[in-house]
Amino acid sequence: MAKRAPKVDHEKCIGCAVCYSVCPASPNVYEIKDGKSWVVHPEACTECESCIQSCPVQAITLVDISEAGPKPS
């Protein structure tokens, strides 16, 4: 099975940082910047789905790691 990592829909993301707070990965998969959640360490994702289950606006999906993101510019 291919490695998966999160993809954040910035149209839905409200920047609440719940994904950052519940992420057990080290380093944290997420960074909160400019009021949005960014995927900065997709390779660290454990595929636990805590972020998906906790996101209040369903802005996160797990995708193939090559499609994970977005990363901050």
PDB file of N, CA and C in Angstrom:
ATOM      1  N   MET A   1       0.844  -1.189   0.000  1.00  0.00           N
ATOM      2  CA  MET A   1       0.000   0.000   0.000  1.00  0.00           C
ATOM      3  C   MET A   1       0.887   1.251   0.000  1.00  0.00           C
ATOM      4  N   ALA A   2       0.538   2.189  -0.824  1.00  0.00           N
ATOM      5  CA  ALA A   2       1.312   3.424  -0.933  1.00  0.00           C
ATOM      6  C   ALA A   2       1.169   4.269   0.331  1.00  0.00           C
ATOM      7  N   LYS A   3       2.188   4.993   0.653  1.00  0.00           N
ATOM      8  CA  LYS A   3       2.166   5.906   1.804  1.00  0.00           C
ATOM      9  C   LYS A   3       1.183   7.036   1.534  1.00  0.00           C
ATOM     10  N   ARG A   4       0.375   7.347   2.535  1.00  0.00           N
ATOM     11  CA  ARG A   4      -0.594   8.431   2.411  1.00  0.00           C
ATOM     12  C   ARG A   4      -0.257   9.555   3.386  1.00  0.00           C
ATOM     13  N   ALA A   5      -0.741  10.732   3.049  1.00  0.00           N
ATOM     14  CA  ALA A   5      -0.532  11.923   3.879  1.00  0.00           C
ATOM     15  C   ALA A   5      -1.703  12.874   3.639  1.00  0.00           C
ATOM     16  N   PRO A   6      -1.869  13.878   4.508  1.00  0.00           N
ATOM     17  CA  PRO A   6      -3.034  14.757   4.396  1.00  0.00           C
ATOM     18  C   PRO A   6      -2.973  15.768   3.256  1.00  0.00           C
ATOM     19  N   LYS A   7      -4.147  16.086   2.784  1.00  0.00           N
ATOM     20  CA  LYS A   7      -4.343  17.184   1.843  1.00  0.00           C
ATOM     21  C   LYS A   7      -5.402  18.076   2.487  1.00  0.00           C
ATOM     22  N   VAL A   8      -5.109  19.360   2.586  1.00  0.00           N
ATOM     23  CA  VAL A   8      -6.017  20.321   3.222  1.00  0.00           C
ATOM     24  C   VAL A   8      -6.693  21.155   2.140  1.00  0.00           C
ATOM     25  N   ASP A   9      -8.002  21.197   2.201  1.00  0.00           N
ATOM     26  CA  ASP A   9      -8.781  22.023   1.283  1.00  0.00           C
ATOM     27  C   ASP A   9      -8.851  23.430   1.870  1.00  0.00           C
ATOM     28  N   HIS A  10      -8.084  24.351   1.310  1.00  0.00           N
ATOM     29  CA  HIS A  10      -8.039  25.714   1.843  1.00  0.00           C
ATOM     30  C   HIS A  10      -9.327  26.492   1.603  1.00  0.00           C
ATOM     31  N   GLU A  11     -10.207  25.992   0.763  1.00  0.00           N
ATOM     32  CA  GLU A  11     -11.528  26.611   0.606  1.00  0.00           C
ATOM     33  C   GLU A  11     -12.370  26.367   1.858  1.00  0.00           C
ATOM     34  N   LYS A  12     -12.106  25.247   2.551  1.00  0.00           N
ATOM     35  CA  LYS A  12     -12.863  24.886   3.749  1.00  0.00           C
ATOM     36  C   LYS A  12     -12.128  25.226   5.043  1.00  0.00           C
ATOM     37  N   CYS A  13     -10.803  25.166   5.036  1.00  0.00           N
ATOM     38  CA  CYS A  13      -9.996  25.337   6.251  1.00  0.00           C
ATOM     39  C   CYS A  13     -10.270  26.696   6.903  1.00  0.00           C
ATOM     40  N   ILE A  14     -10.515  26.653   8.233  1.00  0.00           N
ATOM     41  CA  ILE A  14     -10.783  27.882   8.989  1.00  0.00           C
ATOM     42  C   ILE A  14      -9.598  28.262   9.895  1.00  0.00           C
ATOM     43  N   GLY A  15      -8.506  27.499   9.819  1.00  0.00           N
ATOM     44  CA  GLY A  15      -7.313  27.823  10.589  1.00  0.00           C
ATOM     45  C   GLY A  15      -7.445  27.623  12.083  1.00  0.00           C
ATOM     46  N   CYS A  16      -8.290  26.698  12.498  1.00  0.00           N
ATOM     47  CA  CYS A  16      -8.534  26.495  13.929  1.00  0.00           C
ATOM     48  C   CYS A  16      -7.397  25.763  14.642  1.00  0.00           C
ATOM     49  N   ALA A  17      -6.514  25.119  13.895  1.00  0.00           N
ATOM     50  CA  ALA A  17      -5.339  24.416  14.415  1.00  0.00           C
ATOM     51  C   ALA A  17      -5.649  23.120  15.161  1.00  0.00           C
ATOM     52  N   VAL A  18      -6.856  22.608  15.032  1.00  0.00           N
ATOM     53  CA  VAL A  18      -7.174  21.330  15.666  1.00  0.00           C
ATOM     54  C   VAL A  18      -6.291  20.225  15.081  1.00  0.00           C
ATOM     55  N   CYS A  19      -6.071  20.239  13.785  1.00  0.00           N
ATOM     56  CA  CYS A  19      -5.231  19.219  13.148  1.00  0.00           C
ATOM     57  C   CYS A  19      -3.818  19.238  13.745  1.00  0.00           C
ATOM     58  N   TYR A  20      -3.289  20.426  13.927  1.00  0.00           N
ATOM     59  CA  TYR A  20      -1.962  20.587  14.529  1.00  0.00           C
ATOM     60  C   TYR A  20      -1.953  20.027  15.951  1.00  0.00           C
ATOM     61  N   SER A  21      -2.998  20.319  16.701  1.00  0.00           N
ATOM     62  CA  SER A  21      -3.076  19.904  18.102  1.00  0.00           C
ATOM     63  C   SER A  21      -3.192  18.394  18.277  1.00  0.00           C
ATOM     64  N   VAL A  22      -3.915  17.719  17.405  1.00  0.00           N
ATOM     65  CA  VAL A  22      -4.143  16.279  17.566  1.00  0.00           C
ATOM     66  C   VAL A  22      -3.107  15.417  16.858  1.00  0.00           C
ATOM     67  N   CYS A  23      -2.276  16.010  16.027  1.00  0.00           N
ATOM     68  CA  CYS A  23      -1.288  15.239  15.260  1.00  0.00           C
ATOM     69  C   CYS A  23      -0.231  14.643  16.192  1.00  0.00           C
ATOM     70  N   PRO A  24      -0.089  13.294  16.201  1.00  0.00           N
ATOM     71  CA  PRO A  24       0.904  12.662  17.075  1.00  0.00           C
ATOM     72  C   PRO A  24       2.297  12.568  16.444  1.00  0.00           C
ATOM     73  N   ALA A  25       2.420  12.946  15.186  1.00  0.00           N
ATOM     74  CA  ALA A  25       3.687  12.786  14.471  1.00  0.00           C
ATOM     75  C   ALA A  25       4.765  13.721  14.995  1.00  0.00           C
ATOM     76  N   SER A  26       5.988  13.279  14.862  1.00  0.00           N
ATOM     77  CA  SER A  26       7.131  14.103  15.236  1.00  0.00           C
ATOM     78  C   SER A  26       8.174  13.982  14.134  1.00  0.00           C
ATOM     79  N   PRO A  27       8.413  15.058  13.389  1.00  0.00           N
ATOM     80  CA  PRO A  27       7.866  16.399  13.567  1.00  0.00           C
ATOM     81  C   PRO A  27       6.393  16.452  13.182  1.00  0.00           C
ATOM     82  N   ASN A  28       5.704  17.475  13.662  1.00  0.00           N
ATOM     83  CA  ASN A  28       4.285  17.640  13.359  1.00  0.00           C
ATOM     84  C   ASN A  28       4.100  17.797  11.848  1.00  0.00           C
ATOM     85  N   VAL A  29       3.093  17.140  11.332  1.00  0.00           N
ATOM     86  CA  VAL A  29       2.788  17.205   9.900  1.00  0.00           C
ATOM     87  C   VAL A  29       2.374  18.617   9.497  1.00  0.00           C
ATOM     88  N   TYR A  30       1.729  19.329  10.414  1.00  0.00           N
ATOM     89  CA  TYR A  30       1.115  20.621  10.095  1.00  0.00           C
ATOM     90  C   TYR A  30       1.879  21.819  10.633  1.00  0.00           C
ATOM     91  N   GLU A  31       1.621  22.951   9.998  1.00  0.00           N
ATOM     92  CA  GLU A  31       2.054  24.269  10.473  1.00  0.00           C
ATOM     93  C   GLU A  31       0.881  25.208  10.204  1.00  0.00           C
ATOM     94  N   ILE A  32       0.606  26.093  11.145  1.00  0.00           N
ATOM     95  CA  ILE A  32      -0.461  27.075  10.949  1.00  0.00           C
ATOM     96  C   ILE A  32       0.210  28.380  10.531  1.00  0.00           C
ATOM     97  N   LYS A  33      -0.174  28.872   9.366  1.00  0.00           N
ATOM     98  CA  LYS A  33       0.438  30.084   8.823  1.00  0.00           C
ATOM     99  C   LYS A  33      -0.613  30.843   8.027  1.00  0.00           C
ATOM    100  N   ASP A  34      -0.659  32.147   8.212  1.00  0.00           N
ATOM    101  CA  ASP A  34      -1.601  32.999   7.480  1.00  0.00           C
ATOM    102  C   ASP A  34      -3.043  32.519   7.605  1.00  0.00           C
ATOM    103  N   GLY A  35      -3.403  32.023   8.793  1.00  0.00           N
ATOM    104  CA  GLY A  35      -4.774  31.617   9.058  1.00  0.00           C
ATOM    105  C   GLY A  35      -5.222  30.332   8.390  1.00  0.00           C
ATOM    106  N   LYS A  36      -4.280  29.509   7.945  1.00  0.00           N
ATOM    107  CA  LYS A  36      -4.604  28.231   7.305  1.00  0.00           C
ATOM    108  C   LYS A  36      -3.651  27.153   7.811  1.00  0.00           C
ATOM    109  N   SER A  37      -4.058  25.909   7.653  1.00  0.00           N
ATOM    110  CA  SER A  37      -3.218  24.773   7.994  1.00  0.00           C
ATOM    111  C   SER A  37      -2.431  24.347   6.757  1.00  0.00           C
ATOM    112  N   TRP A  38      -1.119  24.167   6.935  1.00  0.00           N
ATOM    113  CA  TRP A  38      -0.235  23.773   5.838  1.00  0.00           C
ATOM    114  C   TRP A  38       0.425  22.447   6.177  1.00  0.00           C
ATOM    115  N   VAL A  39       0.619  21.611   5.176  1.00  0.00           N
ATOM    116  CA  VAL A  39       1.273  20.322   5.357  1.00  0.00           C
ATOM    117  C   VAL A  39       2.771  20.523   5.109  1.00  0.00           C
ATOM    118  N   VAL A  40       3.557  20.530   6.184  1.00  0.00           N
ATOM    119  CA  VAL A  40       4.984  20.809   6.060  1.00  0.00           C
ATOM    120  C   VAL A  40       5.866  19.557   6.166  1.00  0.00           C
ATOM    121  N   HIS A  41       5.336  18.501   6.780  1.00  0.00           N
ATOM    122  CA  HIS A  41       6.097  17.251   6.902  1.00  0.00           C
ATOM    123  C   HIS A  41       5.207  16.055   6.551  1.00  0.00           C
ATOM    124  N   PRO A  42       4.808  15.931   5.291  1.00  0.00           N
ATOM    125  CA  PRO A  42       3.916  14.822   4.925  1.00  0.00           C
ATOM    126  C   PRO A  42       4.537  13.455   5.187  1.00  0.00           C
ATOM    127  N   GLU A  43       5.850  13.371   5.097  1.00  0.00           N
ATOM    128  CA  GLU A  43       6.530  12.093   5.314  1.00  0.00           C
ATOM    129  C   GLU A  43       6.410  11.597   6.755  1.00  0.00           C
ATOM    130  N   ALA A  44       6.082  12.490   7.688  1.00  0.00           N
ATOM    131  CA  ALA A  44       5.948  12.125   9.097  1.00  0.00           C
ATOM    132  C   ALA A  44       4.560  11.566   9.437  1.00  0.00           C
ATOM    133  N   CYS A  45       3.623  11.667   8.519  1.00  0.00           N
ATOM    134  CA  CYS A  45       2.243  11.229   8.780  1.00  0.00           C
ATOM    135  C   CYS A  45       2.206   9.739   9.139  1.00  0.00           C
ATOM    136  N   THR A  46       1.485   9.430  10.223  1.00  0.00           N
ATOM    137  CA  THR A  46       1.334   8.045  10.666  1.00  0.00           C
ATOM    138  C   THR A  46       0.047   7.412  10.133  1.00  0.00           C
ATOM    139  N   GLU A  47      -0.727   8.180   9.386  1.00  0.00           N
ATOM    140  CA  GLU A  47      -1.999   7.730   8.821  1.00  0.00           C
ATOM    141  C   GLU A  47      -3.010   7.331   9.901  1.00  0.00           C
ATOM    142  N   CYS A  48      -2.921   7.970  11.072  1.00  0.00           N
ATOM    143  CA  CYS A  48      -3.828   7.650  12.179  1.00  0.00           C
ATOM    144  C   CYS A  48      -5.232   8.220  11.970  1.00  0.00           C
ATOM    145  N   GLU A  49      -5.339   9.223  11.115  1.00  0.00           N
ATOM    146  CA  GLU A  49      -6.601   9.891  10.779  1.00  0.00           C
ATOM    147  C   GLU A  49      -7.189  10.740  11.897  1.00  0.00           C
ATOM    148  N   SER A  50      -6.402  11.043  12.938  1.00  0.00           N
ATOM    149  CA  SER A  50      -6.886  11.912  14.017  1.00  0.00           C
ATOM    150  C   SER A  50      -7.282  13.281  13.488  1.00  0.00           C
ATOM    151  N   CYS A  51      -6.503  13.807  12.563  1.00  0.00           N
ATOM    152  CA  CYS A  51      -6.801  15.130  12.002  1.00  0.00           C
ATOM    153  C   CYS A  51      -8.109  15.110  11.216  1.00  0.00           C
ATOM    154  N   ILE A  52      -8.322  14.058  10.466  1.00  0.00           N
ATOM    155  CA  ILE A  52      -9.545  13.942   9.660  1.00  0.00           C
ATOM    156  C   ILE A  52     -10.763  13.873  10.561  1.00  0.00           C
ATOM    157  N   GLN A  53     -10.680  13.048  11.598  1.00  0.00           N
ATOM    158  CA  GLN A  53     -11.804  12.876  12.517  1.00  0.00           C
ATOM    159  C   GLN A  53     -12.072  14.118  13.352  1.00  0.00           C
ATOM    160  N   SER A  54     -11.043  14.918  13.603  1.00  0.00           N
ATOM    161  CA  SER A  54     -11.180  16.090  14.476  1.00  0.00           C
ATOM    162  C   SER A  54     -11.498  17.388  13.752  1.00  0.00           C
ATOM    163  N   CYS A  55     -11.268  17.452  12.461  1.00  0.00           N
ATOM    164  CA  CYS A  55     -11.486  18.692  11.718  1.00  0.00           C
ATOM    165  C   CYS A  55     -12.975  19.061  11.724  1.00  0.00           C
ATOM    166  N   PRO A  56     -13.304  20.242  12.270  1.00  0.00           N
ATOM    167  CA  PRO A  56     -14.719  20.610  12.380  1.00  0.00           C
ATOM    168  C   PRO A  56     -15.390  20.960  11.052  1.00  0.00           C
ATOM    169  N   VAL A  57     -14.601  21.182  10.001  1.00  0.00           N
ATOM    170  CA  VAL A  57     -15.182  21.549   8.707  1.00  0.00           C
ATOM    171  C   VAL A  57     -14.847  20.541   7.602  1.00  0.00           C
ATOM    172  N   GLN A  58     -14.362  19.364   7.992  1.00  0.00           N
ATOM    173  CA  GLN A  58     -14.042  18.286   7.056  1.00  0.00           C
ATOM    174  C   GLN A  58     -13.170  18.768   5.893  1.00  0.00           C
ATOM    175  N   ALA A  59     -12.086  19.482   6.236  1.00  0.00           N
ATOM    176  CA  ALA A  59     -11.203  20.045   5.221  1.00  0.00           C
ATOM    177  C   ALA A  59     -10.013  19.149   4.878  1.00  0.00           C
ATOM    178  N   ILE A  60      -9.894  17.996   5.554  1.00  0.00           N
ATOM    179  CA  ILE A  60      -8.706  17.154   5.390  1.00  0.00           C
ATOM    180  C   ILE A  60      -9.073  15.779   4.853  1.00  0.00           C
ATOM    181  N   THR A  61      -8.291  15.328   3.874  1.00  0.00           N
ATOM    182  CA  THR A  61      -8.404  13.966   3.358  1.00  0.00           C
ATOM    183  C   THR A  61      -7.006  13.367   3.302  1.00  0.00           C
ATOM    184  N   LEU A  62      -6.938  12.037   3.345  1.00  0.00           N
ATOM    185  CA  LEU A  62      -5.657  11.367   3.153  1.00  0.00           C
ATOM    186  C   LEU A  62      -5.534  11.005   1.686  1.00  0.00           C
ATOM    187  N   VAL A  63      -4.415  11.343   1.103  1.00  0.00           N
ATOM    188  CA  VAL A  63      -4.155  11.087  -0.317  1.00  0.00           C
ATOM    189  C   VAL A  63      -2.766  10.471  -0.446  1.00  0.00           C
ATOM    190  N   ASP A  64      -2.435  10.027  -1.636  1.00  0.00           N
ATOM    191  CA  ASP A  64      -1.081   9.559  -1.889  1.00  0.00           C
ATOM    192  C   ASP A  64      -0.110  10.676  -1.503  1.00  0.00           C
ATOM    193  N   ILE A  65       1.001  10.304  -0.897  1.00  0.00           N
ATOM    194  CA  ILE A  65       1.937  11.305  -0.385  1.00  0.00           C
ATOM    195  C   ILE A  65       2.399  12.291  -1.463  1.00  0.00           C
ATOM    196  N   SER A  66       2.412  11.874  -2.711  1.00  0.00           N
ATOM    197  CA  SER A  66       2.826  12.779  -3.793  1.00  0.00           C
ATOM    198  C   SER A  66       1.819  13.901  -4.028  1.00  0.00           C
ATOM    199  N   GLU A  67       0.591  13.732  -3.533  1.00  0.00           N
ATOM    200  CA  GLU A  67      -0.463  14.735  -3.709  1.00  0.00           C
ATOM    201  C   GLU A  67      -0.749  15.510  -2.427  1.00  0.00           C
ATOM    202  N   ALA A  68      -0.007  15.238  -1.354  1.00  0.00           N
ATOM    203  CA  ALA A  68      -0.245  15.878  -0.064  1.00  0.00           C
ATOM    204  C   ALA A  68       0.063  17.372  -0.124  1.00  0.00           C
ATOM    205  N   GLY A  69      -0.580  18.112   0.768  1.00  0.00           N
ATOM    206  CA  GLY A  69      -0.291  19.550   0.804  1.00  0.00           C
ATOM    207  C   GLY A  69      -1.518  20.352   1.192  1.00  0.00           C
ATOM    208  N   PRO A  70      -1.504  21.593   0.900  1.00  0.00           N
ATOM    209  CA  PRO A  70      -0.417  22.344   0.255  1.00  0.00           C
ATOM    210  C   PRO A  70       0.683  22.689   1.241  1.00  0.00           C
ATOM    211  N   LYS A  71       1.867  22.939   0.699  1.00  0.00           N
ATOM    212  CA  LYS A  71       2.996  23.409   1.495  1.00  0.00           C
ATOM    213  C   LYS A  71       3.034  24.931   1.387  1.00  0.00           C
ATOM    214  N   PRO A  72       3.480  25.592   2.457  1.00  0.00           N
ATOM    215  CA  PRO A  72       3.561  27.062   2.383  1.00  0.00           C
ATOM    216  C   PRO A  72       4.606  27.501   1.360  1.00  0.00           C
ATOM    217  N   SER A  73       4.357  28.620   0.746  1.00  0.00           N
ATOM    218  CA  SER A  73       5.307  29.113  -0.263  1.00  0.00           C
ATOM    219  C   SER A  73       6.371  29.975   0.369  1.00  0.00           C
TER     220      SER A  73
END
